[in-house]
Structures are given as C-alpha cells and as structure tokens.
Amino acid sequence: MEIAIIISSLFLVLFAVLALYDGFYLHIFKYQLHNRTESKTEHLAHTIRAVFFPAMLYFLFFKQDSHTSFFIGLTFVLFDILVLGYDAFVEKDSRQFMGGLPRWEYIVHLFVNGFHFASIAVYLSIRLTIQNGEIIISNINQSQISSLFNLLIINLLPAAIINGSEGFPLAGLRIKLL
C-alpha cells in the first residue's frame, strides 16, 4: 500500500505542476483565452475543472473519516470527466484563431489528464477492496507515508483553491465574498 501512496502522490504533484503551466500560464497569460470570444467556453470548462480539483482533493483524498465525503469526492470526479469531455469537444473551435491546438500543447493535455486520473485510479485502488462480494471503503493506515500524503494534500489545497478562483473573473463570473 505504501508504494501505491507514493505513486499516487507523484502523479498528483506532476498533475499539479503541468496543470498550473497549462491552465494558468498558457491559457491565461500566453494565449489569453479568456479575452477571445471563441475561447470563452473552453476557458469556462477549465475554470470549472479547476474548481472541482480542490473539492476532489478535500473530499476524496483528504477527508478519510466519512463514506459520505468519499462519495462526494467520487461525484466530483464524475463531473470532472463530463466537463473534460465537453472541453475536448469545444477545443477545436476555441483554437481556430491560432490554427488549432498546437501539437505540443495537445501532448501536455494528454500528460496532465493522464497524471490526474492515474492519481485518482491508484488512490481508489488503495481505498477500495472487495471482501465477500462487497466493496469496502477503507481508510489509509496512519503510517509515516500516509502522514506525508496528507501533508501533500494539505499543501496542494490552498494553491488549487487560488488557481480555481483566478479563472472566475476571467470567465465573466463575479464572486462576492461576505
């Protein structure tokens, strides 16, 4: 189990780094997709996915003491898959202004989504077992490795929340904090 935790952690870190590069640098600064009418839908899809990520981190990966939280996290994963499919569908039209999606950025998208879903799949293999024909949701043992995993999740959460909230004003959505 400890190797699986290390692998899931590695995939999470690789995902976070590539997602920051792709979503924040390429989309917002380099191509300024939020300023292009034809790219607003793609930008909104990326913003929604950026909001889903910290929710997945919290409910699926971090909050291990509740089955309800686990299912909420899985629900965010399902919604993320649906939004990813929609994002891939609109991307061709969104990028016509630049002659389509550059091949190297397409490769970045493959890796970023591969690492994202690999981290989830490996993590699910840790948490889910089958006993006597029933699926059992278990908590990660409180070992030194699992403590480091929780520390990683706690440190990823603030950056993920900031990254997700950055896209809202750019997507034309306004957030009013109380």
N, C-alpha and C. Protein backbone atom coordinates (compact mmCIF):
# COMPACT_ATOMS: atom_id res chain seq x y z
N MET A 1 0.82 -1.20 0.00
CA MET A 1 0.00 0.00 0.00
C MET A 1 0.86 1.26 0.00
N GLU A 2 2.01 1.22 0.68
CA GLU A 2 2.83 2.42 0.75
C GLU A 2 3.37 2.82 -0.61
N ILE A 3 3.71 1.85 -1.45
CA ILE A 3 4.17 2.17 -2.80
C ILE A 3 3.05 2.85 -3.58
N ALA A 4 1.82 2.38 -3.43
CA ALA A 4 0.69 2.98 -4.12
C ALA A 4 0.47 4.43 -3.65
N ILE A 5 0.66 4.70 -2.38
CA ILE A 5 0.53 6.06 -1.87
C ILE A 5 1.61 6.96 -2.49
N ILE A 6 2.82 6.45 -2.58
CA ILE A 6 3.92 7.22 -3.18
C ILE A 6 3.62 7.49 -4.65
N ILE A 7 3.14 6.48 -5.38
CA ILE A 7 2.82 6.65 -6.80
C ILE A 7 1.69 7.66 -6.98
N SER A 8 0.64 7.54 -6.17
CA SER A 8 -0.47 8.49 -6.26
C SER A 8 0.01 9.91 -5.96
N SER A 9 0.89 10.04 -4.96
CA SER A 9 1.45 11.36 -4.61
C SER A 9 2.26 11.93 -5.77
N LEU A 10 3.09 11.10 -6.37
CA LEU A 10 3.90 11.54 -7.50
C LEU A 10 3.01 12.02 -8.65
N PHE A 11 1.98 11.25 -8.96
CA PHE A 11 1.06 11.64 -10.04
C PHE A 11 0.33 12.94 -9.70
N LEU A 12 -0.04 13.12 -8.44
CA LEU A 12 -0.70 14.37 -8.03
C LEU A 12 0.22 15.58 -8.22
N VAL A 13 1.47 15.43 -7.83
CA VAL A 13 2.42 16.53 -7.97
C VAL A 13 2.66 16.84 -9.45
N LEU A 14 2.86 15.79 -10.26
CA LEU A 14 3.07 16.01 -11.70
C LEU A 14 1.84 16.67 -12.33
N PHE A 15 0.66 16.22 -11.93
CA PHE A 15 -0.57 16.84 -12.43
C PHE A 15 -0.62 18.32 -12.05
N ALA A 16 -0.36 18.62 -10.78
CA ALA A 16 -0.47 20.00 -10.30
C ALA A 16 0.50 20.92 -11.04
N VAL A 17 1.72 20.46 -11.25
CA VAL A 17 2.71 21.29 -11.94
C VAL A 17 2.29 21.53 -13.40
N LEU A 18 1.92 20.46 -14.10
CA LEU A 18 1.52 20.60 -15.51
C LEU A 18 0.22 21.38 -15.66
N ALA A 19 -0.72 21.18 -14.74
CA ALA A 19 -1.99 21.90 -14.81
C ALA A 19 -1.77 23.40 -14.59
N LEU A 20 -0.88 23.73 -13.69
CA LEU A 20 -0.56 25.14 -13.46
C LEU A 20 0.06 25.75 -14.71
N TYR A 21 0.99 25.03 -15.31
CA TYR A 21 1.64 25.51 -16.54
C TYR A 21 0.62 25.66 -17.67
N ASP A 22 -0.20 24.65 -17.88
CA ASP A 22 -1.16 24.67 -18.98
C ASP A 22 -2.29 25.68 -18.73
N GLY A 23 -2.94 25.53 -17.60
CA GLY A 23 -4.13 26.34 -17.33
C GLY A 23 -3.84 27.78 -17.00
N PHE A 24 -2.80 28.00 -16.24
CA PHE A 24 -2.53 29.36 -15.80
C PHE A 24 -1.62 30.09 -16.78
N TYR A 25 -0.47 29.52 -17.10
CA TYR A 25 0.47 30.21 -17.98
C TYR A 25 -0.03 30.24 -19.43
N LEU A 26 -0.26 29.06 -20.03
CA LEU A 26 -0.62 29.01 -21.45
C LEU A 26 -1.98 29.65 -21.72
N HIS A 27 -2.99 29.25 -20.96
CA HIS A 27 -4.35 29.69 -21.25
C HIS A 27 -4.59 31.15 -20.88
N ILE A 28 -4.08 31.57 -19.72
CA ILE A 28 -4.39 32.92 -19.25
C ILE A 28 -3.36 33.94 -19.74
N PHE A 29 -2.08 33.64 -19.62
CA PHE A 29 -1.07 34.64 -19.96
C PHE A 29 -0.64 34.59 -21.43
N LYS A 30 -0.27 33.43 -21.91
CA LYS A 30 0.27 33.37 -23.27
C LYS A 30 -0.81 33.56 -24.34
N TYR A 31 -1.89 32.76 -24.26
CA TYR A 31 -2.92 32.83 -25.31
C TYR A 31 -4.10 33.72 -24.93
N GLN A 32 -4.23 34.07 -23.67
CA GLN A 32 -5.31 34.92 -23.16
C GLN A 32 -6.68 34.45 -23.69
N LEU A 33 -6.95 33.16 -23.45
CA LEU A 33 -8.21 32.58 -23.95
C LEU A 33 -9.43 33.28 -23.38
N HIS A 34 -9.32 33.81 -22.19
CA HIS A 34 -10.45 34.50 -21.55
C HIS A 34 -10.84 35.78 -22.30
N ASN A 35 -9.93 36.32 -23.11
CA ASN A 35 -10.22 37.54 -23.87
C ASN A 35 -10.76 37.26 -25.27
N ARG A 36 -10.83 36.02 -25.66
CA ARG A 36 -11.28 35.65 -27.01
C ARG A 36 -12.70 35.10 -26.94
N THR A 37 -13.57 35.68 -27.70
CA THR A 37 -14.97 35.26 -27.71
C THR A 37 -15.11 33.78 -28.02
N GLU A 38 -14.36 33.30 -29.02
CA GLU A 38 -14.47 31.90 -29.42
C GLU A 38 -13.88 30.93 -28.39
N SER A 39 -13.14 31.44 -27.41
CA SER A 39 -12.50 30.59 -26.42
C SER A 39 -13.15 30.66 -25.05
N LYS A 40 -14.18 31.47 -24.90
CA LYS A 40 -14.80 31.64 -23.57
C LYS A 40 -15.34 30.33 -23.01
N THR A 41 -15.94 29.50 -23.87
CA THR A 41 -16.49 28.23 -23.39
C THR A 41 -15.39 27.30 -22.91
N GLU A 42 -14.28 27.25 -23.65
CA GLU A 42 -13.15 26.43 -23.21
C GLU A 42 -12.60 26.93 -21.89
N HIS A 43 -12.46 28.25 -21.77
CA HIS A 43 -11.95 28.83 -20.53
C HIS A 43 -12.89 28.52 -19.35
N LEU A 44 -14.18 28.61 -19.59
CA LEU A 44 -15.14 28.28 -18.53
C LEU A 44 -15.02 26.82 -18.12
N ALA A 45 -14.86 25.92 -19.10
CA ALA A 45 -14.69 24.49 -18.78
C ALA A 45 -13.44 24.27 -17.93
N HIS A 46 -12.35 24.96 -18.28
CA HIS A 46 -11.12 24.83 -17.49
C HIS A 46 -11.31 25.40 -16.09
N THR A 47 -12.05 26.49 -15.98
CA THR A 47 -12.32 27.09 -14.67
C THR A 47 -13.14 26.14 -13.80
N ILE A 48 -14.15 25.52 -14.39
CA ILE A 48 -14.97 24.56 -13.63
C ILE A 48 -14.11 23.40 -13.16
N ARG A 49 -13.26 22.88 -14.03
CA ARG A 49 -12.39 21.78 -13.64
C ARG A 49 -11.41 22.21 -12.56
N ALA A 50 -10.94 23.47 -12.62
CA ALA A 50 -10.03 23.98 -11.60
C ALA A 50 -10.73 24.12 -10.26
N VAL A 51 -12.03 24.33 -10.26
CA VAL A 51 -12.81 24.39 -9.02
C VAL A 51 -13.07 22.97 -8.49
N PHE A 52 -13.28 22.03 -9.39
CA PHE A 52 -13.51 20.64 -8.98
C PHE A 52 -12.27 20.04 -8.31
N PHE A 53 -11.07 20.43 -8.74
CA PHE A 53 -9.85 19.80 -8.22
C PHE A 53 -9.69 19.95 -6.71
N PRO A 54 -9.79 21.15 -6.12
CA PRO A 54 -9.66 21.21 -4.67
C PRO A 54 -10.78 20.46 -3.95
N ALA A 55 -11.96 20.42 -4.56
CA ALA A 55 -13.06 19.64 -3.95
C ALA A 55 -12.71 18.15 -3.95
N MET A 56 -12.11 17.68 -5.05
CA MET A 56 -11.67 16.28 -5.09
C MET A 56 -10.56 16.03 -4.08
N LEU A 57 -9.61 16.96 -3.99
CA LEU A 57 -8.53 16.80 -3.01
C LEU A 57 -9.10 16.66 -1.60
N TYR A 58 -10.02 17.53 -1.27
CA TYR A 58 -10.57 17.53 0.09
C TYR A 58 -11.45 16.30 0.35
N PHE A 59 -12.47 16.12 -0.47
CA PHE A 59 -13.46 15.08 -0.19
C PHE A 59 -12.96 13.67 -0.49
N LEU A 60 -12.19 13.50 -1.54
CA LEU A 60 -11.76 12.16 -1.92
C LEU A 60 -10.45 11.77 -1.24
N PHE A 61 -9.45 12.65 -1.32
CA PHE A 61 -8.12 12.30 -0.84
C PHE A 61 -7.90 12.60 0.64
N PHE A 62 -8.40 13.72 1.14
CA PHE A 62 -8.04 14.16 2.49
C PHE A 62 -9.01 13.66 3.56
N LYS A 63 -10.29 13.89 3.37
CA LYS A 63 -11.29 13.59 4.40
C LYS A 63 -11.61 12.10 4.35
N GLN A 64 -10.85 11.32 5.09
CA GLN A 64 -10.97 9.86 5.01
C GLN A 64 -11.87 9.26 6.08
N ASP A 65 -12.44 10.05 6.94
CA ASP A 65 -13.22 9.51 8.05
C ASP A 65 -14.71 9.40 7.74
N SER A 66 -15.10 9.67 6.51
CA SER A 66 -16.51 9.66 6.18
C SER A 66 -16.75 9.04 4.80
N HIS A 67 -17.64 8.07 4.76
CA HIS A 67 -18.02 7.48 3.46
C HIS A 67 -18.77 8.51 2.62
N THR A 68 -19.51 9.39 3.27
CA THR A 68 -20.24 10.43 2.54
C THR A 68 -19.25 11.32 1.79
N SER A 69 -18.18 11.73 2.46
CA SER A 69 -17.16 12.56 1.81
C SER A 69 -16.54 11.82 0.63
N PHE A 70 -16.30 10.53 0.79
CA PHE A 70 -15.73 9.72 -0.29
C PHE A 70 -16.64 9.75 -1.52
N PHE A 71 -17.95 9.57 -1.31
CA PHE A 71 -18.89 9.58 -2.44
C PHE A 71 -19.05 10.98 -3.04
N ILE A 72 -18.95 12.01 -2.20
CA ILE A 72 -18.96 13.37 -2.73
C ILE A 72 -17.73 13.57 -3.62
N GLY A 73 -16.58 13.10 -3.17
CA GLY A 73 -15.36 13.18 -3.98
C GLY A 73 -15.50 12.44 -5.29
N LEU A 74 -16.08 11.24 -5.26
CA LEU A 74 -16.31 10.48 -6.49
C LEU A 74 -17.27 11.21 -7.43
N THR A 75 -18.25 11.89 -6.86
CA THR A 75 -19.18 12.67 -7.68
C THR A 75 -18.45 13.80 -8.41
N PHE A 76 -17.53 14.46 -7.71
CA PHE A 76 -16.72 15.49 -8.37
C PHE A 76 -15.85 14.90 -9.48
N VAL A 77 -15.34 13.70 -9.26
CA VAL A 77 -14.56 13.02 -10.31
C VAL A 77 -15.44 12.77 -11.53
N LEU A 78 -16.66 12.30 -11.32
CA LEU A 78 -17.57 12.04 -12.43
C LEU A 78 -17.89 13.34 -13.18
N PHE A 79 -18.20 14.40 -12.45
CA PHE A 79 -18.47 15.69 -13.10
C PHE A 79 -17.24 16.19 -13.86
N ASP A 80 -16.06 15.97 -13.27
CA ASP A 80 -14.81 16.38 -13.92
C ASP A 80 -14.64 15.65 -15.26
N ILE A 81 -14.94 14.38 -15.29
CA ILE A 81 -14.85 13.60 -16.54
C ILE A 81 -15.81 14.16 -17.58
N LEU A 82 -17.03 14.49 -17.16
CA LEU A 82 -18.02 15.05 -18.09
C LEU A 82 -17.57 16.40 -18.65
N VAL A 83 -17.05 17.27 -17.78
CA VAL A 83 -16.59 18.58 -18.23
C VAL A 83 -15.36 18.42 -19.13
N LEU A 84 -14.48 17.47 -18.80
CA LEU A 84 -13.32 17.20 -19.66
C LEU A 84 -13.77 16.80 -21.07
N GLY A 85 -14.77 15.93 -21.16
CA GLY A 85 -15.30 15.54 -22.47
C GLY A 85 -15.84 16.73 -23.24
N TYR A 86 -16.58 17.59 -22.55
CA TYR A 86 -17.13 18.79 -23.20
C TYR A 86 -15.99 19.72 -23.63
N ASP A 87 -14.99 19.89 -22.76
CA ASP A 87 -13.84 20.74 -23.08
C ASP A 87 -13.13 20.23 -24.33
N ALA A 88 -12.92 18.93 -24.43
CA ALA A 88 -12.25 18.37 -25.62
C ALA A 88 -13.10 18.59 -26.87
N PHE A 89 -14.41 18.55 -26.71
CA PHE A 89 -15.32 18.75 -27.84
C PHE A 89 -15.24 20.18 -28.39
N VAL A 90 -15.18 21.18 -27.49
CA VAL A 90 -15.20 22.57 -27.94
C VAL A 90 -13.81 23.12 -28.28
N GLU A 91 -12.77 22.38 -27.93
CA GLU A 91 -11.42 22.91 -28.08
C GLU A 91 -11.05 23.21 -29.54
N LYS A 92 -11.50 22.42 -30.47
CA LYS A 92 -11.16 22.65 -31.88
C LYS A 92 -11.67 24.02 -32.34
N ASP A 93 -12.91 24.34 -32.03
CA ASP A 93 -13.48 25.64 -32.41
C ASP A 93 -12.81 26.78 -31.63
N SER A 94 -12.47 26.51 -30.37
CA SER A 94 -11.88 27.52 -29.50
C SER A 94 -10.52 27.97 -29.98
N ARG A 95 -9.80 27.10 -30.65
CA ARG A 95 -8.42 27.40 -31.03
C ARG A 95 -8.24 27.68 -32.52
N GLN A 96 -9.32 27.93 -33.24
CA GLN A 96 -9.19 28.23 -34.67
C GLN A 96 -8.37 29.48 -34.92
N PHE A 97 -8.42 30.44 -34.02
CA PHE A 97 -7.68 31.69 -34.20
C PHE A 97 -6.18 31.45 -34.30
N MET A 98 -5.70 30.35 -33.77
CA MET A 98 -4.27 30.05 -33.81
C MET A 98 -3.95 28.84 -34.67
N GLY A 99 -4.90 28.49 -35.54
CA GLY A 99 -4.68 27.35 -36.44
C GLY A 99 -4.87 26.01 -35.77
N GLY A 100 -5.59 25.98 -34.68
CA GLY A 100 -5.83 24.74 -33.94
C GLY A 100 -4.91 24.62 -32.73
N LEU A 101 -5.14 23.60 -31.97
CA LEU A 101 -4.33 23.34 -30.77
C LEU A 101 -2.93 22.90 -31.20
N PRO A 102 -1.88 23.58 -30.71
CA PRO A 102 -0.52 23.16 -31.07
C PRO A 102 -0.27 21.72 -30.60
N ARG A 103 0.48 20.99 -31.41
CA ARG A 103 0.74 19.57 -31.10
C ARG A 103 1.36 19.40 -29.73
N TRP A 104 2.32 20.25 -29.37
CA TRP A 104 2.99 20.11 -28.08
C TRP A 104 2.03 20.38 -26.92
N GLU A 105 1.06 21.30 -27.14
CA GLU A 105 0.08 21.56 -26.07
C GLU A 105 -0.89 20.39 -25.95
N TYR A 106 -1.21 19.78 -27.08
CA TYR A 106 -2.03 18.58 -27.06
C TYR A 106 -1.34 17.48 -26.24
N ILE A 107 -0.04 17.36 -26.40
CA ILE A 107 0.73 16.37 -25.63
C ILE A 107 0.71 16.73 -24.15
N VAL A 108 0.84 18.01 -23.82
CA VAL A 108 0.75 18.44 -22.42
C VAL A 108 -0.61 18.05 -21.85
N HIS A 109 -1.69 18.26 -22.63
CA HIS A 109 -3.04 17.89 -22.17
C HIS A 109 -3.14 16.39 -21.90
N LEU A 110 -2.53 15.59 -22.77
CA LEU A 110 -2.55 14.13 -22.56
C LEU A 110 -1.86 13.77 -21.24
N PHE A 111 -0.69 14.36 -21.01
CA PHE A 111 0.03 14.05 -19.78
C PHE A 111 -0.69 14.58 -18.54
N VAL A 112 -1.17 15.82 -18.59
CA VAL A 112 -1.81 16.41 -17.42
C VAL A 112 -3.05 15.60 -17.03
N ASN A 113 -3.86 15.23 -18.01
CA ASN A 113 -5.05 14.44 -17.69
C ASN A 113 -4.70 13.00 -17.33
N GLY A 114 -3.66 12.47 -17.94
CA GLY A 114 -3.20 11.13 -17.58
C GLY A 114 -2.75 11.08 -16.13
N PHE A 115 -1.92 12.04 -15.72
CA PHE A 115 -1.46 12.08 -14.32
C PHE A 115 -2.62 12.30 -13.36
N HIS A 116 -3.56 13.15 -13.76
CA HIS A 116 -4.72 13.46 -12.92
C HIS A 116 -5.53 12.19 -12.64
N PHE A 117 -5.90 11.50 -13.70
CA PHE A 117 -6.74 10.33 -13.50
C PHE A 117 -5.97 9.12 -13.00
N ALA A 118 -4.67 9.05 -13.29
CA ALA A 118 -3.85 7.97 -12.72
C ALA A 118 -3.75 8.13 -11.21
N SER A 119 -3.60 9.38 -10.73
CA SER A 119 -3.53 9.59 -9.28
C SER A 119 -4.82 9.15 -8.61
N ILE A 120 -5.94 9.42 -9.26
CA ILE A 120 -7.24 9.02 -8.72
C ILE A 120 -7.38 7.50 -8.75
N ALA A 121 -7.02 6.87 -9.87
CA ALA A 121 -7.16 5.41 -10.01
C ALA A 121 -6.29 4.68 -8.99
N VAL A 122 -5.05 5.12 -8.82
CA VAL A 122 -4.16 4.48 -7.85
C VAL A 122 -4.71 4.68 -6.44
N TYR A 123 -5.19 5.87 -6.16
CA TYR A 123 -5.75 6.14 -4.84
C TYR A 123 -6.99 5.28 -4.56
N LEU A 124 -7.84 5.12 -5.57
CA LEU A 124 -9.01 4.27 -5.40
C LEU A 124 -8.61 2.81 -5.15
N SER A 125 -7.52 2.38 -5.75
CA SER A 125 -7.05 1.01 -5.52
C SER A 125 -6.57 0.82 -4.08
N ILE A 126 -6.17 1.91 -3.44
CA ILE A 126 -5.78 1.86 -2.02
C ILE A 126 -7.02 1.81 -1.14
N ARG A 127 -7.99 2.64 -1.45
CA ARG A 127 -9.17 2.79 -0.58
C ARG A 127 -10.24 1.72 -0.75
N LEU A 128 -10.33 1.10 -1.91
CA LEU A 128 -11.40 0.14 -2.17
C LEU A 128 -10.87 -1.29 -2.20
N THR A 129 -11.56 -2.16 -1.49
CA THR A 129 -11.27 -3.60 -1.53
C THR A 129 -12.58 -4.36 -1.65
N ILE A 130 -12.47 -5.58 -2.09
CA ILE A 130 -13.65 -6.43 -2.19
C ILE A 130 -13.48 -7.57 -1.19
N GLN A 131 -14.47 -7.70 -0.30
CA GLN A 131 -14.48 -8.77 0.70
C GLN A 131 -15.85 -9.42 0.71
N ASN A 132 -15.89 -10.71 0.49
CA ASN A 132 -17.14 -11.46 0.48
C ASN A 132 -18.16 -10.87 -0.49
N GLY A 133 -17.69 -10.44 -1.64
CA GLY A 133 -18.58 -9.90 -2.66
C GLY A 133 -19.05 -8.48 -2.41
N GLU A 134 -18.53 -7.82 -1.39
CA GLU A 134 -18.91 -6.45 -1.08
C GLU A 134 -17.72 -5.52 -1.28
N ILE A 135 -18.00 -4.31 -1.75
CA ILE A 135 -16.95 -3.31 -1.88
C ILE A 135 -16.81 -2.60 -0.54
N ILE A 136 -15.61 -2.60 -0.01
CA ILE A 136 -15.31 -1.99 1.28
C ILE A 136 -14.47 -0.74 1.05
N ILE A 137 -14.88 0.36 1.67
CA ILE A 137 -14.11 1.61 1.63
C ILE A 137 -13.29 1.67 2.91
N SER A 138 -11.97 1.68 2.76
CA SER A 138 -11.12 1.70 3.94
C SER A 138 -10.34 3.00 4.00
N ASN A 139 -9.86 3.31 5.19
CA ASN A 139 -9.02 4.48 5.38
C ASN A 139 -7.57 4.08 5.16
N ILE A 140 -6.73 5.04 4.83
CA ILE A 140 -5.31 4.77 4.70
C ILE A 140 -4.74 4.64 6.10
N ASN A 141 -3.89 3.63 6.29
CA ASN A 141 -3.24 3.44 7.59
C ASN A 141 -2.46 4.68 7.98
N GLN A 142 -2.39 4.92 9.24
CA GLN A 142 -1.67 6.10 9.74
C GLN A 142 -0.18 5.79 9.88
N SER A 143 0.46 5.53 8.77
CA SER A 143 1.91 5.31 8.75
C SER A 143 2.60 6.63 8.42
N GLN A 144 3.93 6.57 8.42
CA GLN A 144 4.70 7.77 8.08
C GLN A 144 4.40 8.20 6.64
N ILE A 145 4.27 7.23 5.73
CA ILE A 145 3.98 7.55 4.33
C ILE A 145 2.61 8.20 4.19
N SER A 146 1.60 7.65 4.88
CA SER A 146 0.26 8.25 4.78
C SER A 146 0.23 9.64 5.40
N SER A 147 1.03 9.87 6.42
CA SER A 147 1.12 11.21 7.01
C SER A 147 1.73 12.20 6.01
N LEU A 148 2.74 11.76 5.27
CA LEU A 148 3.32 12.61 4.23
C LEU A 148 2.32 12.86 3.10
N PHE A 149 1.53 11.86 2.78
CA PHE A 149 0.49 12.01 1.76
C PHE A 149 -0.52 13.08 2.19
N ASN A 150 -0.97 13.00 3.44
CA ASN A 150 -1.91 14.01 3.96
C ASN A 150 -1.28 15.40 3.97
N LEU A 151 0.00 15.48 4.28
CA LEU A 151 0.71 16.76 4.25
C LEU A 151 0.75 17.31 2.82
N LEU A 152 0.97 16.44 1.85
CA LEU A 152 0.95 16.86 0.44
C LEU A 152 -0.41 17.43 0.07
N ILE A 153 -1.48 16.73 0.45
CA ILE A 153 -2.84 17.18 0.11
C ILE A 153 -3.11 18.53 0.76
N ILE A 154 -2.75 18.68 2.03
CA ILE A 154 -2.96 19.95 2.74
C ILE A 154 -2.22 21.09 2.05
N ASN A 155 -1.02 20.81 1.52
CA ASN A 155 -0.24 21.85 0.86
C ASN A 155 -0.72 22.12 -0.56
N LEU A 156 -1.33 21.16 -1.21
CA LEU A 156 -1.88 21.38 -2.55
C LEU A 156 -3.19 22.17 -2.50
N LEU A 157 -3.95 22.01 -1.44
CA LEU A 157 -5.28 22.64 -1.35
C LEU A 157 -5.28 24.16 -1.53
N PRO A 158 -4.47 24.92 -0.81
CA PRO A 158 -4.54 26.39 -1.00
C PRO A 158 -4.21 26.82 -2.42
N ALA A 159 -3.17 26.24 -3.00
CA ALA A 159 -2.81 26.60 -4.39
C ALA A 159 -3.92 26.21 -5.35
N ALA A 160 -4.54 25.07 -5.13
CA ALA A 160 -5.63 24.62 -6.00
C ALA A 160 -6.83 25.55 -5.88
N ILE A 161 -7.13 26.00 -4.68
CA ILE A 161 -8.26 26.92 -4.48
C ILE A 161 -7.98 28.26 -5.16
N ILE A 162 -6.76 28.78 -4.98
CA ILE A 162 -6.40 30.05 -5.61
C ILE A 162 -6.45 29.91 -7.13
N ASN A 163 -5.89 28.83 -7.65
CA ASN A 163 -5.89 28.62 -9.10
C ASN A 163 -7.32 28.55 -9.64
N GLY A 164 -8.19 27.86 -8.94
CA GLY A 164 -9.59 27.75 -9.38
C GLY A 164 -10.32 29.08 -9.32
N SER A 165 -10.07 29.86 -8.29
CA SER A 165 -10.79 31.12 -8.15
C SER A 165 -10.27 32.19 -9.11
N GLU A 166 -9.04 32.06 -9.59
CA GLU A 166 -8.48 33.04 -10.53
C GLU A 166 -9.26 33.06 -11.84
N GLY A 167 -9.80 31.93 -12.25
CA GLY A 167 -10.49 31.85 -13.53
C GLY A 167 -11.87 32.47 -13.53
N PHE A 168 -12.52 32.60 -12.36
CA PHE A 168 -13.89 33.10 -12.33
C PHE A 168 -14.04 34.51 -12.91
N PRO A 169 -13.27 35.48 -12.43
CA PRO A 169 -13.44 36.81 -13.03
C PRO A 169 -13.11 36.81 -14.53
N LEU A 170 -12.14 36.00 -14.91
CA LEU A 170 -11.74 35.95 -16.31
C LEU A 170 -12.81 35.27 -17.16
N ALA A 171 -13.61 34.41 -16.56
CA ALA A 171 -14.67 33.73 -17.29
C ALA A 171 -15.95 34.57 -17.31
N GLY A 172 -15.88 35.77 -16.76
CA GLY A 172 -17.04 36.64 -16.75
C GLY A 172 -17.95 36.40 -15.56
N LEU A 173 -17.50 35.59 -14.59
CA LEU A 173 -18.29 35.31 -13.39
C LEU A 173 -17.74 36.18 -12.27
N ARG A 174 -18.61 36.67 -11.45
CA ARG A 174 -18.19 37.51 -10.33
C ARG A 174 -18.47 36.75 -9.04
N ILE A 175 -17.51 36.81 -8.14
CA ILE A 175 -17.64 36.18 -6.84
C ILE A 175 -17.75 37.31 -5.80
N LYS A 176 -18.77 37.24 -4.98
CA LYS A 176 -18.93 38.23 -3.92
C LYS A 176 -18.68 37.52 -2.60
N LEU A 177 -17.61 37.89 -1.93
CA LEU A 177 -17.28 37.30 -0.65
C LEU A 177 -17.95 38.11 0.44
N LEU A 178 -18.49 37.41 1.43
CA LEU A 178 -19.17 38.09 2.53
C LEU A 178 -18.18 38.67 3.50
